[in-house]
Amino acid sequence: MDTYVILRRSGWQSPAELQEAAARSSQVGDEEMSDDIRWIRSYVLEEGGETVGTVCIYQASSPEKIHEHAERADLPVDEIIAVADTVIVRPDPEAAAA
């Protein structure tokens, strides 16, 4: 599997909607597509007002499988970018409450 960044701008009207989407994403990825996709982490973006977006890190067998996963889980996809390499300077900071 390769690593990808998925940009989802202004995908949800509230943090509660995002939580529901995260549950759908996990269910589809873990139970229906576990051979093709793996959700690694997401960063929630403040988009203004209560709207939130995400930058998601996934491992997947192809960009097409990312699109299929998003369609099955009813998730937006604005852009998919293949990751060429990883440079870790510091570990991710402690997660903030969304």
C-alpha atoms as a PDB file:
ATOM      1  CA  MET A   1       0.000   0.000   0.000  1.00  0.00           C
ATOM      2  CA  ASP A   2       1.052   3.569  -0.662  1.00  0.00           C
ATOM      3  CA  THR A   3       0.470   6.575   1.599  1.00  0.00           C
ATOM      4  CA  TYR A   4      -1.855   9.407   0.544  1.00  0.00           C
ATOM      5  CA  VAL A   5      -3.024  12.767   1.852  1.00  0.00           C
ATOM      6  CA  ILE A   6      -6.734  13.429   1.305  1.00  0.00           C
ATOM      7  CA  LEU A   7      -7.976  16.997   1.514  1.00  0.00           C
ATOM      8  CA  ARG A   8     -11.627  17.413   2.525  1.00  0.00           C
ATOM      9  CA  ARG A   9     -12.417  21.164   2.701  1.00  0.00           C
ATOM     10  CA  SER A  10     -15.535  22.358   4.559  1.00  0.00           C
ATOM     11  CA  GLY A  11     -16.902  18.822   4.505  1.00  0.00           C
ATOM     12  CA  TRP A  12     -19.035  19.073   7.640  1.00  0.00           C
ATOM     13  CA  GLN A  13     -21.295  21.650   9.231  1.00  0.00           C
ATOM     14  CA  SER A  14     -20.343  20.689  12.785  1.00  0.00           C
ATOM     15  CA  PRO A  15     -17.947  18.563  14.809  1.00  0.00           C
ATOM     16  CA  ALA A  16     -20.884  16.192  15.481  1.00  0.00           C
ATOM     17  CA  GLU A  17     -21.318  15.594  11.725  1.00  0.00           C
ATOM     18  CA  LEU A  18     -17.595  14.894  11.489  1.00  0.00           C
ATOM     19  CA  GLN A  19     -17.842  12.314  14.289  1.00  0.00           C
ATOM     20  CA  GLU A  20     -20.640  10.528  12.411  1.00  0.00           C
ATOM     21  CA  ALA A  21     -18.540  10.559   9.238  1.00  0.00           C
ATOM     22  CA  ALA A  22     -15.553   9.158  11.138  1.00  0.00           C
ATOM     23  CA  ALA A  23     -17.674   6.245  12.358  1.00  0.00           C
ATOM     24  CA  ARG A  24     -18.831   5.500   8.793  1.00  0.00           C
ATOM     25  CA  SER A  25     -15.258   5.755   7.517  1.00  0.00           C
ATOM     26  CA  SER A  26     -13.977   3.309  10.121  1.00  0.00           C
ATOM     27  CA  GLN A  27     -16.790   0.846   9.498  1.00  0.00           C
ATOM     28  CA  VAL A  28     -16.304   0.801   5.726  1.00  0.00           C
ATOM     29  CA  GLY A  29     -12.514   0.746   5.900  1.00  0.00           C
ATOM     30  CA  ASP A  30     -12.181  -1.852   8.644  1.00  0.00           C
ATOM     31  CA  GLU A  31     -15.074  -4.152   7.745  1.00  0.00           C
ATOM     32  CA  GLU A  32     -15.575  -3.829   3.987  1.00  0.00           C
ATOM     33  CA  MET A  33     -12.258  -2.706   2.466  1.00  0.00           C
ATOM     34  CA  SER A  34      -9.530  -3.752   4.916  1.00  0.00           C
ATOM     35  CA  ASP A  35      -7.367  -5.223   2.130  1.00  0.00           C
ATOM     36  CA  ASP A  36      -7.371  -1.930   0.187  1.00  0.00           C
ATOM     37  CA  ILE A  37      -7.457   0.972   2.629  1.00  0.00           C
ATOM     38  CA  ARG A  38      -6.214   1.919   6.084  1.00  0.00           C
ATOM     39  CA  TRP A  39      -7.004   5.200   7.875  1.00  0.00           C
ATOM     40  CA  ILE A  40      -3.893   6.412   9.719  1.00  0.00           C
ATOM     41  CA  ARG A  41      -4.879   9.826  11.152  1.00  0.00           C
ATOM     42  CA  SER A  42      -6.712  13.056  10.409  1.00  0.00           C
ATOM     43  CA  TYR A  43      -6.192  16.695  11.254  1.00  0.00           C
ATOM     44  CA  VAL A  44      -9.389  18.738  11.666  1.00  0.00           C
ATOM     45  CA  LEU A  45      -9.341  22.155   9.974  1.00  0.00           C
ATOM     46  CA  GLU A  46     -11.121  25.247  11.224  1.00  0.00           C
ATOM     47  CA  GLU A  47     -12.917  26.484   8.105  1.00  0.00           C
ATOM     48  CA  GLY A  48     -14.789  29.447   9.606  1.00  0.00           C
ATOM     49  CA  GLY A  49     -17.978  29.418  11.605  1.00  0.00           C
ATOM     50  CA  GLU A  50     -18.715  25.889  12.713  1.00  0.00           C
ATOM     51  CA  THR A  51     -17.738  24.325   9.382  1.00  0.00           C
ATOM     52  CA  VAL A  52     -14.809  21.917   9.602  1.00  0.00           C
ATOM     53  CA  GLY A  53     -12.678  20.134   7.064  1.00  0.00           C
ATOM     54  CA  THR A  54      -9.932  17.552   7.350  1.00  0.00           C
ATOM     55  CA  VAL A  55      -6.532  16.573   6.079  1.00  0.00           C
ATOM     56  CA  CYS A  56      -6.469  12.778   6.263  1.00  0.00           C
ATOM     57  CA  ILE A  57      -3.553  10.382   6.026  1.00  0.00           C
ATOM     58  CA  TYR A  58      -4.456   7.007   4.534  1.00  0.00           C
ATOM     59  CA  GLN A  59      -2.657   4.011   3.177  1.00  0.00           C
ATOM     60  CA  ALA A  60      -4.387   2.544   0.141  1.00  0.00           C
ATOM     61  CA  SER A  61      -3.806   0.200  -2.750  1.00  0.00           C
ATOM     62  CA  SER A  62      -4.751   2.991  -5.209  1.00  0.00           C
ATOM     63  CA  PRO A  63      -6.380   6.435  -5.471  1.00  0.00           C
ATOM     64  CA  GLU A  64      -9.391   4.682  -7.006  1.00  0.00           C
ATOM     65  CA  LYS A  65      -9.877   2.702  -3.783  1.00  0.00           C
ATOM     66  CA  ILE A  66      -9.802   5.971  -1.826  1.00  0.00           C
ATOM     67  CA  HIS A  67     -12.606   7.280  -4.029  1.00  0.00           C
ATOM     68  CA  GLU A  68     -14.539   4.024  -3.614  1.00  0.00           C
ATOM     69  CA  HIS A  69     -14.141   4.186   0.174  1.00  0.00           C
ATOM     70  CA  ALA A  70     -15.308   7.808   0.215  1.00  0.00           C
ATOM     71  CA  GLU A  71     -18.347   6.982  -1.890  1.00  0.00           C
ATOM     72  CA  ARG A  72     -19.327   4.024   0.309  1.00  0.00           C
ATOM     73  CA  ALA A  73     -18.853   6.062   3.513  1.00  0.00           C
ATOM     74  CA  ASP A  74     -20.467   9.232   2.083  1.00  0.00           C
ATOM     75  CA  LEU A  75     -17.317  11.342   2.508  1.00  0.00           C
ATOM     76  CA  PRO A  76     -16.186  14.297   0.396  1.00  0.00           C
ATOM     77  CA  VAL A  77     -12.853  14.168  -1.462  1.00  0.00           C
ATOM     78  CA  ASP A  78     -11.419  17.420  -2.787  1.00  0.00           C
ATOM     79  CA  GLU A  79      -7.922  16.214  -3.563  1.00  0.00           C
ATOM     80  CA  ILE A  80      -5.766  13.092  -3.221  1.00  0.00           C
ATOM     81  CA  ILE A  81      -1.996  13.527  -3.108  1.00  0.00           C
ATOM     82  CA  ALA A  82       0.504  10.659  -3.088  1.00  0.00           C
ATOM     83  CA  VAL A  83       3.135  10.942  -0.347  1.00  0.00           C
ATOM     84  CA  ALA A  84       6.683  10.589  -1.676  1.00  0.00           C
ATOM     85  CA  ASP A  85       8.440  10.305   1.688  1.00  0.00           C
ATOM     86  CA  THR A  86       8.058  11.052   5.404  1.00  0.00           C
ATOM     87  CA  VAL A  87      10.295  13.285   7.487  1.00  0.00           C
ATOM     88  CA  ILE A  88       9.542  13.170  11.215  1.00  0.00           C
ATOM     89  CA  VAL A  89      11.035  16.088  13.102  1.00  0.00           C
ATOM     90  CA  ARG A  90       8.847  15.715  16.204  1.00  0.00           C
ATOM     91  CA  PRO A  91       6.009  13.389  17.110  1.00  0.00           C
ATOM     92  CA  ASP A  92       2.475  14.694  16.665  1.00  0.00           C
ATOM     93  CA  PRO A  93       1.394  16.879  19.594  1.00  0.00           C
ATOM     94  CA  GLU A  94      -1.262  15.693  22.013  1.00  0.00           C
ATOM     95  CA  ALA A  95      -4.673  15.639  20.369  1.00  0.00           C
ATOM     96  CA  ALA A  96      -6.903  18.612  21.116  1.00  0.00           C
ATOM     97  CA  ALA A  97     -10.615  18.116  21.710  1.00  0.00           C
ATOM     98  CA  ALA A  98     -12.518  18.621  18.458  1.00  0.00           C
END
